[in-house]
Amino acid sequence: MFDQNFIVNLSVISPVVSQEQFAAFIGSTPDTVRGWIENDTLPHVKIGRQRYINVIAFVDDLKNGKTIFSRGEYGND
């Protein structure tokens, strides 16, 4: 029987990832992730002309018990 709890070694994940990488990681589409970025639903940073998911902030939120990500929460990041 497999234990359903597992540990992901986040040290191998970059502190920021592209929208496409994040979509693949969570099993979503790049268009959906792009919409979340445009609506400020996910923590993100702008590097050059592109917006990337701030994985550090996202994981910190999850570790702190956050389960719902709402529109506009990350507009001032």
N, C-alpha and C. Protein backbone atom coordinates (compact mmCIF):
# COMPACT_ATOMS: atom_id res chain seq x y z
N MET A 1 0.85 -1.17 0.00
CA MET A 1 0.00 0.00 0.00
C MET A 1 0.90 1.24 0.00
N PHE A 2 0.53 2.21 -0.80
CA PHE A 2 1.30 3.44 -0.90
C PHE A 2 0.81 4.47 0.11
N ASP A 3 1.74 5.16 0.68
CA ASP A 3 1.41 6.28 1.56
C ASP A 3 1.05 7.47 0.69
N GLN A 4 -0.09 8.08 0.90
CA GLN A 4 -0.53 9.19 0.07
C GLN A 4 0.18 10.49 0.41
N ASN A 5 0.86 10.53 1.52
CA ASN A 5 1.64 11.72 1.87
C ASN A 5 3.03 11.56 1.31
N PHE A 6 3.52 12.59 0.65
CA PHE A 6 4.86 12.55 0.12
C PHE A 6 5.49 13.92 0.22
N ILE A 7 6.79 13.94 0.20
CA ILE A 7 7.55 15.19 0.33
C ILE A 7 8.14 15.52 -1.03
N VAL A 8 7.93 16.76 -1.45
CA VAL A 8 8.51 17.23 -2.69
C VAL A 8 9.72 18.08 -2.33
N ASN A 9 10.85 17.77 -2.90
CA ASN A 9 12.05 18.54 -2.64
C ASN A 9 12.01 19.82 -3.47
N LEU A 10 11.57 20.91 -2.86
CA LEU A 10 11.41 22.16 -3.59
C LEU A 10 12.73 22.85 -3.87
N SER A 11 13.81 22.34 -3.34
CA SER A 11 15.10 22.96 -3.60
C SER A 11 15.53 22.81 -5.05
N VAL A 12 14.90 21.90 -5.77
CA VAL A 12 15.24 21.72 -7.18
C VAL A 12 14.37 22.57 -8.09
N ILE A 13 13.41 23.28 -7.52
CA ILE A 13 12.53 24.15 -8.30
C ILE A 13 13.05 25.58 -8.20
N SER A 14 13.06 26.26 -9.31
CA SER A 14 13.50 27.65 -9.35
C SER A 14 12.57 28.52 -8.50
N PRO A 15 13.08 29.63 -7.95
CA PRO A 15 12.23 30.51 -7.16
C PRO A 15 11.14 31.19 -7.99
N VAL A 16 11.34 31.28 -9.28
CA VAL A 16 10.30 31.77 -10.20
C VAL A 16 10.25 30.82 -11.39
N VAL A 17 9.05 30.62 -11.92
CA VAL A 17 8.88 29.76 -13.09
C VAL A 17 7.97 30.46 -14.08
N SER A 18 8.12 30.07 -15.33
CA SER A 18 7.26 30.65 -16.37
C SER A 18 5.83 30.17 -16.18
N GLN A 19 4.93 30.87 -16.82
CA GLN A 19 3.52 30.49 -16.75
C GLN A 19 3.31 29.10 -17.33
N GLU A 20 4.04 28.77 -18.39
CA GLU A 20 3.93 27.46 -19.01
C GLU A 20 4.45 26.36 -18.08
N GLN A 21 5.57 26.63 -17.41
CA GLN A 21 6.12 25.64 -16.47
C GLN A 21 5.16 25.41 -15.31
N PHE A 22 4.60 26.49 -14.78
CA PHE A 22 3.67 26.37 -13.65
C PHE A 22 2.43 25.59 -14.07
N ALA A 23 1.92 25.89 -15.26
CA ALA A 23 0.74 25.18 -15.76
C ALA A 23 1.01 23.68 -15.85
N ALA A 24 2.17 23.31 -16.38
CA ALA A 24 2.52 21.90 -16.48
C ALA A 24 2.68 21.27 -15.09
N PHE A 25 3.25 22.02 -14.16
CA PHE A 25 3.49 21.52 -12.81
C PHE A 25 2.18 21.21 -12.09
N ILE A 26 1.14 22.07 -12.27
CA ILE A 26 -0.12 21.86 -11.55
C ILE A 26 -1.16 21.16 -12.39
N GLY A 27 -0.84 20.86 -13.66
CA GLY A 27 -1.78 20.16 -14.52
C GLY A 27 -2.88 21.04 -15.07
N SER A 28 -2.55 22.28 -15.35
CA SER A 28 -3.51 23.23 -15.91
C SER A 28 -3.04 23.66 -17.29
N THR A 29 -3.70 24.64 -17.86
CA THR A 29 -3.28 25.15 -19.16
C THR A 29 -2.56 26.48 -19.00
N PRO A 30 -1.67 26.81 -19.91
CA PRO A 30 -1.01 28.12 -19.85
C PRO A 30 -2.01 29.28 -19.91
N ASP A 31 -3.09 29.11 -20.66
CA ASP A 31 -4.10 30.18 -20.73
C ASP A 31 -4.77 30.42 -19.39
N THR A 32 -5.04 29.36 -18.65
CA THR A 32 -5.64 29.50 -17.32
C THR A 32 -4.68 30.24 -16.38
N VAL A 33 -3.42 29.82 -16.38
CA VAL A 33 -2.42 30.47 -15.51
C VAL A 33 -2.25 31.93 -15.92
N ARG A 34 -2.22 32.20 -17.21
CA ARG A 34 -2.11 33.58 -17.69
C ARG A 34 -3.28 34.43 -17.16
N GLY A 35 -4.47 33.86 -17.16
CA GLY A 35 -5.63 34.56 -16.61
C GLY A 35 -5.48 34.85 -15.13
N TRP A 36 -4.94 33.88 -14.39
CA TRP A 36 -4.72 34.10 -12.95
C TRP A 36 -3.71 35.22 -12.73
N ILE A 37 -2.70 35.29 -13.58
CA ILE A 37 -1.71 36.36 -13.47
C ILE A 37 -2.37 37.72 -13.77
N GLU A 38 -3.13 37.77 -14.85
CA GLU A 38 -3.79 39.02 -15.23
C GLU A 38 -4.77 39.49 -14.18
N ASN A 39 -5.38 38.55 -13.44
CA ASN A 39 -6.33 38.89 -12.38
C ASN A 39 -5.67 39.01 -11.01
N ASP A 40 -4.34 38.89 -10.96
CA ASP A 40 -3.58 38.98 -9.71
C ASP A 40 -4.03 37.94 -8.69
N THR A 41 -4.32 36.73 -9.17
CA THR A 41 -4.75 35.64 -8.30
C THR A 41 -3.56 34.84 -7.78
N LEU A 42 -2.44 34.88 -8.48
CA LEU A 42 -1.22 34.19 -8.06
C LEU A 42 -0.10 35.18 -7.83
N PRO A 43 0.80 34.88 -6.89
CA PRO A 43 1.96 35.76 -6.70
C PRO A 43 2.87 35.70 -7.93
N HIS A 44 3.27 36.85 -8.41
CA HIS A 44 4.08 36.88 -9.62
C HIS A 44 5.04 38.06 -9.59
N VAL A 45 6.03 37.96 -10.43
CA VAL A 45 7.02 39.04 -10.58
C VAL A 45 7.19 39.30 -12.07
N LYS A 46 7.52 40.52 -12.38
CA LYS A 46 7.77 40.88 -13.77
C LYS A 46 9.27 40.95 -13.97
N ILE A 47 9.75 40.20 -14.93
CA ILE A 47 11.16 40.20 -15.29
C ILE A 47 11.22 40.55 -16.77
N GLY A 48 11.75 41.72 -17.05
CA GLY A 48 11.71 42.19 -18.44
C GLY A 48 10.27 42.47 -18.82
N ARG A 49 9.82 41.83 -19.88
CA ARG A 49 8.45 42.02 -20.34
C ARG A 49 7.53 40.87 -19.94
N GLN A 50 8.09 39.86 -19.29
CA GLN A 50 7.33 38.66 -18.94
C GLN A 50 6.99 38.63 -17.46
N ARG A 51 5.88 37.99 -17.14
CA ARG A 51 5.49 37.77 -15.75
C ARG A 51 5.70 36.29 -15.42
N TYR A 52 6.35 36.06 -14.27
CA TYR A 52 6.67 34.72 -13.82
C TYR A 52 6.00 34.47 -12.48
N ILE A 53 5.67 33.20 -12.21
CA ILE A 53 5.08 32.83 -10.94
C ILE A 53 6.16 32.87 -9.87
N ASN A 54 5.86 33.54 -8.76
CA ASN A 54 6.76 33.59 -7.61
C ASN A 54 6.51 32.33 -6.78
N VAL A 55 7.28 31.30 -7.05
CA VAL A 55 7.09 30.00 -6.41
C VAL A 55 7.34 30.09 -4.91
N ILE A 56 8.30 30.88 -4.50
CA ILE A 56 8.60 31.03 -3.06
C ILE A 56 7.37 31.56 -2.32
N ALA A 57 6.77 32.62 -2.83
CA ALA A 57 5.58 33.18 -2.18
C ALA A 57 4.41 32.20 -2.22
N PHE A 58 4.26 31.51 -3.35
CA PHE A 58 3.17 30.54 -3.49
C PHE A 58 3.32 29.41 -2.47
N VAL A 59 4.51 28.85 -2.35
CA VAL A 59 4.75 27.75 -1.41
C VAL A 59 4.62 28.23 0.03
N ASP A 60 5.11 29.43 0.32
CA ASP A 60 4.96 29.99 1.68
C ASP A 60 3.49 30.11 2.04
N ASP A 61 2.67 30.58 1.10
CA ASP A 61 1.23 30.68 1.36
C ASP A 61 0.63 29.31 1.65
N LEU A 62 1.01 28.32 0.87
CA LEU A 62 0.49 26.96 1.09
C LEU A 62 0.94 26.43 2.45
N LYS A 63 2.21 26.66 2.80
CA LYS A 63 2.72 26.20 4.10
C LYS A 63 1.98 26.86 5.26
N ASN A 64 1.54 28.09 5.05
CA ASN A 64 0.82 28.83 6.09
C ASN A 64 -0.67 28.51 6.11
N GLY A 65 -1.08 27.52 5.33
CA GLY A 65 -2.46 27.06 5.38
C GLY A 65 -3.40 27.68 4.36
N LYS A 66 -2.89 28.48 3.46
CA LYS A 66 -3.75 29.11 2.46
C LYS A 66 -4.28 28.03 1.52
N THR A 67 -5.59 28.03 1.32
CA THR A 67 -6.22 27.06 0.42
C THR A 67 -7.02 27.72 -0.69
N ILE A 68 -7.30 29.00 -0.54
CA ILE A 68 -8.07 29.73 -1.54
C ILE A 68 -7.27 30.92 -2.02
N PHE A 69 -7.12 31.02 -3.32
CA PHE A 69 -6.42 32.15 -3.94
C PHE A 69 -7.47 32.96 -4.68
N SER A 70 -7.66 34.21 -4.27
CA SER A 70 -8.72 35.03 -4.83
C SER A 70 -8.20 36.12 -5.73
N ARG A 71 -9.03 36.54 -6.64
CA ARG A 71 -8.70 37.60 -7.59
C ARG A 71 -8.27 38.87 -6.84
N GLY A 72 -7.20 39.47 -7.30
CA GLY A 72 -6.74 40.74 -6.77
C GLY A 72 -5.83 40.67 -5.56
N GLU A 73 -5.56 39.49 -5.05
CA GLU A 73 -4.76 39.38 -3.83
C GLU A 73 -3.29 39.78 -4.02
N TYR A 74 -2.78 39.66 -5.21
CA TYR A 74 -1.37 39.90 -5.45
C TYR A 74 -1.12 41.09 -6.38
N GLY A 75 -2.02 42.03 -6.37
CA GLY A 75 -1.90 43.18 -7.27
C GLY A 75 -0.80 44.15 -6.92
N ASN A 76 -0.36 44.16 -5.68
CA ASN A 76 0.66 45.13 -5.26
C ASN A 76 2.04 44.52 -5.14
N ASP A 77 2.20 43.28 -5.61
CA ASP A 77 3.51 42.62 -5.51
C ASP A 77 4.44 43.11 -6.59
